[in-house]
Amino acid sequence: MFPATPCGRLLAVVTGAGGWDFFVSYAADDVAWAEWIAWQIEEDGHAVLVQAWDFVPGSHWTSRMADGIGRATRTIAVLSPAYLTSVYGRREWEAAFRADPEGLARRLVPVRVVECEAPDLLGGVVGIDLFDLPEPAARAHLLDRLRAALDGRAKPASEPRFPGPGAGTRGGRSGTGAAGPAPAFPGHSRR
């Protein structure tokens, strides 16, 4: 039997420079989500180290885990009710929070895979919601938000539509066409 914390399995994303971009912290109940998230990140051009795929016979499990936690630039906390009751999960996200309490380096990136309320300090960290999204939308949203976390900004690629009088038309005149895709209505629910 392979060593496992009560929190479950872990994954980490490795950069080519020998450091770690992401440590993905999750509960055992959420292994499918953790592997799906890691796959998306790898397909986006990142090298991924996944316990289930890369902790092979002969490797030292404890050392590999310690390296992942200690050398990760960012921690992705896969939030679910199971994760929020995990002692080890809490230790993992708290380590990332302690390393960046103001969030300036975006060391902690919560990803909710089930609708749940994050407690205390974790609840104040801006995260990514994947629940209730179909797979293509979840993939696009995950990668878009992770790029924003890496860049430190989420400016759209095209000019937002003018929200004032004549909205939906250029220059306030009808028939001239829209200024580009309109942003989603702010009150729109994903459900």
C-alpha atoms as a PDB file:
ATOM      1  CA  MET A   1       0.000   0.000   0.000  1.00  0.00           C
ATOM      2  CA  PHE A   2       1.297   3.444  -0.912  1.00  0.00           C
ATOM      3  CA  PRO A   3       1.502   6.126   1.770  1.00  0.00           C
ATOM      4  CA  ALA A   4      -1.438   8.542   1.776  1.00  0.00           C
ATOM      5  CA  THR A   5      -2.545  11.287   4.099  1.00  0.00           C
ATOM      6  CA  PRO A   6      -6.162  11.342   5.240  1.00  0.00           C
ATOM      7  CA  CYS A   7      -6.457  14.298   2.850  1.00  0.00           C
ATOM      8  CA  GLY A   8      -5.853  12.009  -0.074  1.00  0.00           C
ATOM      9  CA  ARG A   9      -3.501  12.053  -2.996  1.00  0.00           C
ATOM     10  CA  LEU A  10      -1.539  14.999  -4.306  1.00  0.00           C
ATOM     11  CA  LEU A  11      -0.300  16.361  -7.562  1.00  0.00           C
ATOM     12  CA  ALA A  12       2.173  19.072  -8.377  1.00  0.00           C
ATOM     13  CA  VAL A  13       2.935  20.846 -11.574  1.00  0.00           C
ATOM     14  CA  VAL A  14       6.624  21.163 -12.323  1.00  0.00           C
ATOM     15  CA  THR A  15       8.323  23.885 -14.291  1.00  0.00           C
ATOM     16  CA  GLY A  16      11.181  23.134 -16.657  1.00  0.00           C
ATOM     17  CA  ALA A  17      13.495  25.035 -14.305  1.00  0.00           C
ATOM     18  CA  GLY A  18      13.271  22.325 -11.649  1.00  0.00           C
ATOM     19  CA  GLY A  19      10.878  24.233  -9.367  1.00  0.00           C
ATOM     20  CA  TRP A  20       7.180  23.706  -8.914  1.00  0.00           C
ATOM     21  CA  ASP A  21       4.487  25.896 -10.460  1.00  0.00           C
ATOM     22  CA  PHE A  22       1.473  24.337  -8.752  1.00  0.00           C
ATOM     23  CA  PHE A  23       0.794  21.979  -5.913  1.00  0.00           C
ATOM     24  CA  VAL A  24      -2.745  20.587  -6.195  1.00  0.00           C
ATOM     25  CA  SER A  25      -4.129  19.819  -2.754  1.00  0.00           C
ATOM     26  CA  TYR A  26      -7.283  17.697  -2.562  1.00  0.00           C
ATOM     27  CA  ALA A  27      -9.227  15.132  -0.585  1.00  0.00           C
ATOM     28  CA  ALA A  28      -9.296  11.484  -1.667  1.00  0.00           C
ATOM     29  CA  ASP A  29     -12.964  11.877  -2.661  1.00  0.00           C
ATOM     30  CA  ASP A  30     -11.875  14.440  -5.270  1.00  0.00           C
ATOM     31  CA  VAL A  31      -9.087  12.507  -7.006  1.00  0.00           C
ATOM     32  CA  ALA A  32     -10.967  12.566 -10.324  1.00  0.00           C
ATOM     33  CA  TRP A  33     -11.197  16.365 -10.174  1.00  0.00           C
ATOM     34  CA  ALA A  34      -7.537  16.690  -9.192  1.00  0.00           C
ATOM     35  CA  GLU A  35      -6.405  14.505 -12.088  1.00  0.00           C
ATOM     36  CA  TRP A  36      -8.696  16.344 -14.514  1.00  0.00           C
ATOM     37  CA  ILE A  37      -7.301  19.705 -13.370  1.00  0.00           C
ATOM     38  CA  ALA A  38      -3.716  18.437 -13.721  1.00  0.00           C
ATOM     39  CA  TRP A  39      -4.441  17.095 -17.216  1.00  0.00           C
ATOM     40  CA  GLN A  40      -5.815  20.477 -18.322  1.00  0.00           C
ATOM     41  CA  ILE A  41      -2.758  22.274 -16.981  1.00  0.00           C
ATOM     42  CA  GLU A  42      -0.412  19.832 -18.735  1.00  0.00           C
ATOM     43  CA  GLU A  43      -2.302  20.161 -22.005  1.00  0.00           C
ATOM     44  CA  ASP A  44      -1.871  23.931 -21.662  1.00  0.00           C
ATOM     45  CA  GLY A  45       1.887  23.438 -21.910  1.00  0.00           C
ATOM     46  CA  HIS A  46       2.974  22.841 -18.325  1.00  0.00           C
ATOM     47  CA  ALA A  47       4.903  19.811 -17.109  1.00  0.00           C
ATOM     48  CA  VAL A  48       2.838  17.968 -14.490  1.00  0.00           C
ATOM     49  CA  LEU A  49       3.938  15.638 -11.715  1.00  0.00           C
ATOM     50  CA  VAL A  50       0.999  13.526 -10.495  1.00  0.00           C
ATOM     51  CA  GLN A  51       1.346  11.102  -7.608  1.00  0.00           C
ATOM     52  CA  ALA A  52      -0.797   8.486  -9.352  1.00  0.00           C
ATOM     53  CA  TRP A  53       1.249   8.768 -12.538  1.00  0.00           C
ATOM     54  CA  ASP A  54       4.749   9.686 -11.353  1.00  0.00           C
ATOM     55  CA  PHE A  55       5.324   8.300  -7.845  1.00  0.00           C
ATOM     56  CA  VAL A  56       6.569   5.005  -9.224  1.00  0.00           C
ATOM     57  CA  PRO A  57       8.216   2.072  -7.459  1.00  0.00           C
ATOM     58  CA  GLY A  58      11.629   3.062  -6.166  1.00  0.00           C
ATOM     59  CA  SER A  59      10.789   6.738  -5.633  1.00  0.00           C
ATOM     60  CA  HIS A  60      10.672   8.107  -2.087  1.00  0.00           C
ATOM     61  CA  TRP A  61       7.083   9.169  -1.496  1.00  0.00           C
ATOM     62  CA  THR A  62       7.685  11.371   1.559  1.00  0.00           C
ATOM     63  CA  SER A  63      10.590  13.228  -0.057  1.00  0.00           C
ATOM     64  CA  ARG A  64       8.641  13.836  -3.256  1.00  0.00           C
ATOM     65  CA  MET A  65       5.677  15.190  -1.291  1.00  0.00           C
ATOM     66  CA  ALA A  66       7.908  17.447   0.836  1.00  0.00           C
ATOM     67  CA  ASP A  67       9.578  18.794  -2.310  1.00  0.00           C
ATOM     68  CA  GLY A  68       6.198  19.532  -3.866  1.00  0.00           C
ATOM     69  CA  ILE A  69       4.873  21.376  -0.826  1.00  0.00           C
ATOM     70  CA  GLY A  70       8.112  23.243  -0.109  1.00  0.00           C
ATOM     71  CA  ARG A  71       9.007  24.237  -3.652  1.00  0.00           C
ATOM     72  CA  ALA A  72       5.564  25.011  -5.078  1.00  0.00           C
ATOM     73  CA  THR A  73       5.041  28.539  -6.303  1.00  0.00           C
ATOM     74  CA  ARG A  74       1.273  28.161  -5.998  1.00  0.00           C
ATOM     75  CA  THR A  75      -1.151  25.802  -4.285  1.00  0.00           C
ATOM     76  CA  ILE A  76      -4.444  24.877  -5.905  1.00  0.00           C
ATOM     77  CA  ALA A  77      -6.883  23.851  -3.177  1.00  0.00           C
ATOM     78  CA  VAL A  78      -9.612  21.658  -4.705  1.00  0.00           C
ATOM     79  CA  LEU A  79     -12.513  22.711  -2.502  1.00  0.00           C
ATOM     80  CA  SER A  80     -15.318  20.339  -1.584  1.00  0.00           C
ATOM     81  CA  PRO A  81     -17.006  19.388   1.689  1.00  0.00           C
ATOM     82  CA  ALA A  82     -14.494  16.514   2.039  1.00  0.00           C
ATOM     83  CA  TYR A  83     -11.530  18.860   1.581  1.00  0.00           C
ATOM     84  CA  LEU A  84     -12.897  21.397   4.040  1.00  0.00           C
ATOM     85  CA  THR A  85     -12.988  18.754   6.794  1.00  0.00           C
ATOM     86  CA  SER A  86      -9.494  17.458   6.025  1.00  0.00           C
ATOM     87  CA  VAL A  87      -6.813  18.266   8.596  1.00  0.00           C
ATOM     88  CA  TYR A  88      -4.037  17.758   6.052  1.00  0.00           C
ATOM     89  CA  GLY A  89      -5.826  19.802   3.394  1.00  0.00           C
ATOM     90  CA  ARG A  90      -6.079  22.674   5.857  1.00  0.00           C
ATOM     91  CA  ARG A  91      -2.352  22.443   6.600  1.00  0.00           C
ATOM     92  CA  GLU A  92      -1.566  22.556   2.889  1.00  0.00           C
ATOM     93  CA  TRP A  93      -3.646  25.622   2.055  1.00  0.00           C
ATOM     94  CA  GLU A  94      -2.548  27.371   5.251  1.00  0.00           C
ATOM     95  CA  ALA A  95       1.127  26.916   4.255  1.00  0.00           C
ATOM     96  CA  ALA A  96       0.418  28.707   0.957  1.00  0.00           C
ATOM     97  CA  PHE A  97      -1.560  31.414   2.774  1.00  0.00           C
ATOM     98  CA  ARG A  98       1.243  32.005   5.296  1.00  0.00           C
ATOM     99  CA  ALA A  99       3.717  32.411   2.446  1.00  0.00           C
ATOM    100  CA  ASP A 100       1.559  35.156   0.877  1.00  0.00           C
ATOM    101  CA  PRO A 101      -0.969  36.516   3.416  1.00  0.00           C
ATOM    102  CA  GLU A 102      -1.894  39.562   1.298  1.00  0.00           C
ATOM    103  CA  GLY A 103      -2.315  37.525  -1.885  1.00  0.00           C
ATOM    104  CA  LEU A 104       0.118  39.659  -3.871  1.00  0.00           C
ATOM    105  CA  ALA A 105       1.883  36.610  -5.377  1.00  0.00           C
ATOM    106  CA  ARG A 106      -1.358  34.610  -5.647  1.00  0.00           C
ATOM    107  CA  ARG A 107       0.224  31.623  -3.899  1.00  0.00           C
ATOM    108  CA  LEU A 108      -3.163  30.101  -2.972  1.00  0.00           C
ATOM    109  CA  VAL A 109      -5.761  29.441  -5.692  1.00  0.00           C
ATOM    110  CA  PRO A 110      -8.975  27.845  -4.394  1.00  0.00           C
ATOM    111  CA  VAL A 111     -10.914  25.853  -7.013  1.00  0.00           C
ATOM    112  CA  ARG A 112     -14.455  24.917  -5.946  1.00  0.00           C
ATOM    113  CA  VAL A 113     -15.636  21.705  -7.589  1.00  0.00           C
ATOM    114  CA  VAL A 114     -18.747  21.454  -5.417  1.00  0.00           C
ATOM    115  CA  GLU A 115     -20.772  24.374  -4.125  1.00  0.00           C
ATOM    116  CA  CYS A 116     -19.504  24.861  -0.582  1.00  0.00           C
ATOM    117  CA  GLU A 117     -18.603  27.772   1.638  1.00  0.00           C
ATOM    118  CA  ALA A 118     -14.928  28.189   2.442  1.00  0.00           C
ATOM    119  CA  PRO A 119     -14.261  29.057   6.077  1.00  0.00           C
ATOM    120  CA  ASP A 120     -12.253  31.816   7.714  1.00  0.00           C
ATOM    121  CA  LEU A 121      -9.176  33.000   5.853  1.00  0.00           C
ATOM    122  CA  LEU A 122      -9.728  30.676   2.893  1.00  0.00           C
ATOM    123  CA  GLY A 123     -13.101  32.302   2.194  1.00  0.00           C
ATOM    124  CA  GLY A 124     -11.412  35.657   1.596  1.00  0.00           C
ATOM    125  CA  VAL A 125      -9.199  34.372  -1.203  1.00  0.00           C
ATOM    126  CA  VAL A 126     -10.554  34.885  -4.737  1.00  0.00           C
ATOM    127  CA  GLY A 127     -10.974  31.487  -6.343  1.00  0.00           C
ATOM    128  CA  ILE A 128     -12.279  29.622  -9.359  1.00  0.00           C
ATOM    129  CA  ASP A 129     -15.696  27.929  -9.507  1.00  0.00           C
ATOM    130  CA  LEU A 130     -15.994  24.855 -11.726  1.00  0.00           C
ATOM    131  CA  PHE A 131     -19.181  23.329 -10.308  1.00  0.00           C
ATOM    132  CA  ASP A 132     -22.289  23.369 -12.509  1.00  0.00           C
ATOM    133  CA  LEU A 133     -20.207  24.025 -15.648  1.00  0.00           C
ATOM    134  CA  PRO A 134     -20.107  21.605 -18.581  1.00  0.00           C
ATOM    135  CA  GLU A 135     -16.637  20.261 -19.387  1.00  0.00           C
ATOM    136  CA  PRO A 136     -15.674  22.639 -22.239  1.00  0.00           C
ATOM    137  CA  ALA A 137     -16.747  25.679 -20.227  1.00  0.00           C
ATOM    138  CA  ALA A 138     -15.010  24.363 -17.090  1.00  0.00           C
ATOM    139  CA  ARG A 139     -11.765  23.802 -19.034  1.00  0.00           C
ATOM    140  CA  ALA A 140     -11.837  27.278 -20.584  1.00  0.00           C
ATOM    141  CA  HIS A 141     -12.726  28.925 -17.260  1.00  0.00           C
ATOM    142  CA  LEU A 142     -10.028  27.038 -15.328  1.00  0.00           C
ATOM    143  CA  LEU A 143      -7.276  27.892 -17.795  1.00  0.00           C
ATOM    144  CA  ASP A 144      -8.402  31.506 -18.207  1.00  0.00           C
ATOM    145  CA  ARG A 145      -8.465  32.089 -14.438  1.00  0.00           C
ATOM    146  CA  LEU A 146      -5.120  30.306 -13.891  1.00  0.00           C
ATOM    147  CA  ARG A 147      -3.543  32.517 -16.573  1.00  0.00           C
ATOM    148  CA  ALA A 148      -4.949  35.536 -14.739  1.00  0.00           C
ATOM    149  CA  ALA A 149      -3.421  34.247 -11.479  1.00  0.00           C
ATOM    150  CA  LEU A 150      -0.061  33.802 -13.198  1.00  0.00           C
ATOM    151  CA  ASP A 151      -0.223  37.222 -14.905  1.00  0.00           C
ATOM    152  CA  GLY A 152      -1.705  39.077 -11.942  1.00  0.00           C
ATOM    153  CA  ARG A 153      -4.370  40.648 -14.152  1.00  0.00           C
ATOM    154  CA  ALA A 154      -7.481  39.562 -16.064  1.00  0.00           C
ATOM    155  CA  LYS A 155      -7.870  42.294 -18.689  1.00  0.00           C
ATOM    156  CA  PRO A 156     -10.062  41.096 -21.591  1.00  0.00           C
ATOM    157  CA  ALA A 157      -8.528  40.681 -25.057  1.00  0.00           C
ATOM    158  CA  SER A 158     -11.105  42.983 -26.662  1.00  0.00           C
ATOM    159  CA  GLU A 159     -12.695  46.252 -25.631  1.00  0.00           C
ATOM    160  CA  PRO A 160     -15.734  45.816 -23.380  1.00  0.00           C
ATOM    161  CA  ARG A 161     -19.063  47.023 -24.760  1.00  0.00           C
ATOM    162  CA  PHE A 162     -20.068  50.534 -23.687  1.00  0.00           C
ATOM    163  CA  PRO A 163     -22.639  50.114 -20.874  1.00  0.00           C
ATOM    164  CA  GLY A 164     -24.281  53.577 -21.150  1.00  0.00           C
ATOM    165  CA  PRO A 165     -26.947  55.097 -23.411  1.00  0.00           C
ATOM    166  CA  GLY A 166     -26.971  53.411 -26.798  1.00  0.00           C
ATOM    167  CA  ALA A 167     -25.334  50.326 -25.329  1.00  0.00           C
ATOM    168  CA  GLY A 168     -24.947  47.579 -27.878  1.00  0.00           C
ATOM    169  CA  THR A 169     -24.203  49.979 -30.714  1.00  0.00           C
ATOM    170  CA  ARG A 170     -21.089  51.884 -31.690  1.00  0.00           C
ATOM    171  CA  GLY A 171     -21.255  55.563 -30.945  1.00  0.00           C
ATOM    172  CA  GLY A 172     -24.761  55.171 -29.574  1.00  0.00           C
ATOM    173  CA  ARG A 173     -26.173  54.814 -33.116  1.00  0.00           C
ATOM    174  CA  SER A 174     -28.136  51.751 -34.063  1.00  0.00           C
ATOM    175  CA  GLY A 175     -27.219  49.694 -37.063  1.00  0.00           C
ATOM    176  CA  THR A 176     -23.450  50.237 -36.826  1.00  0.00           C
ATOM    177  CA  GLY A 177     -22.667  46.902 -35.202  1.00  0.00           C
ATOM    178  CA  ALA A 178     -21.485  45.861 -31.781  1.00  0.00           C
ATOM    179  CA  ALA A 179     -18.045  46.711 -30.430  1.00  0.00           C
ATOM    180  CA  GLY A 180     -17.249  43.020 -29.897  1.00  0.00           C
ATOM    181  CA  PRO A 181     -18.571  40.262 -27.725  1.00  0.00           C
ATOM    182  CA  ALA A 182     -20.491  41.613 -24.774  1.00  0.00           C
ATOM    183  CA  PRO A 183     -19.375  40.657 -21.306  1.00  0.00           C
ATOM    184  CA  ALA A 184     -21.779  38.396 -19.437  1.00  0.00           C
ATOM    185  CA  PHE A 185     -24.470  40.110 -17.390  1.00  0.00           C
ATOM    186  CA  PRO A 186     -22.961  40.523 -13.891  1.00  0.00           C
ATOM    187  CA  GLY A 187     -26.000  38.989 -12.201  1.00  0.00           C
ATOM    188  CA  HIS A 188     -26.056  35.909 -14.429  1.00  0.00           C
ATOM    189  CA  SER A 189     -25.960  32.661 -12.526  1.00  0.00           C
ATOM    190  CA  ARG A 190     -24.098  29.674 -13.988  1.00  0.00           C
ATOM    191  CA  ARG A 191     -26.833  27.345 -12.834  1.00  0.00           C
END
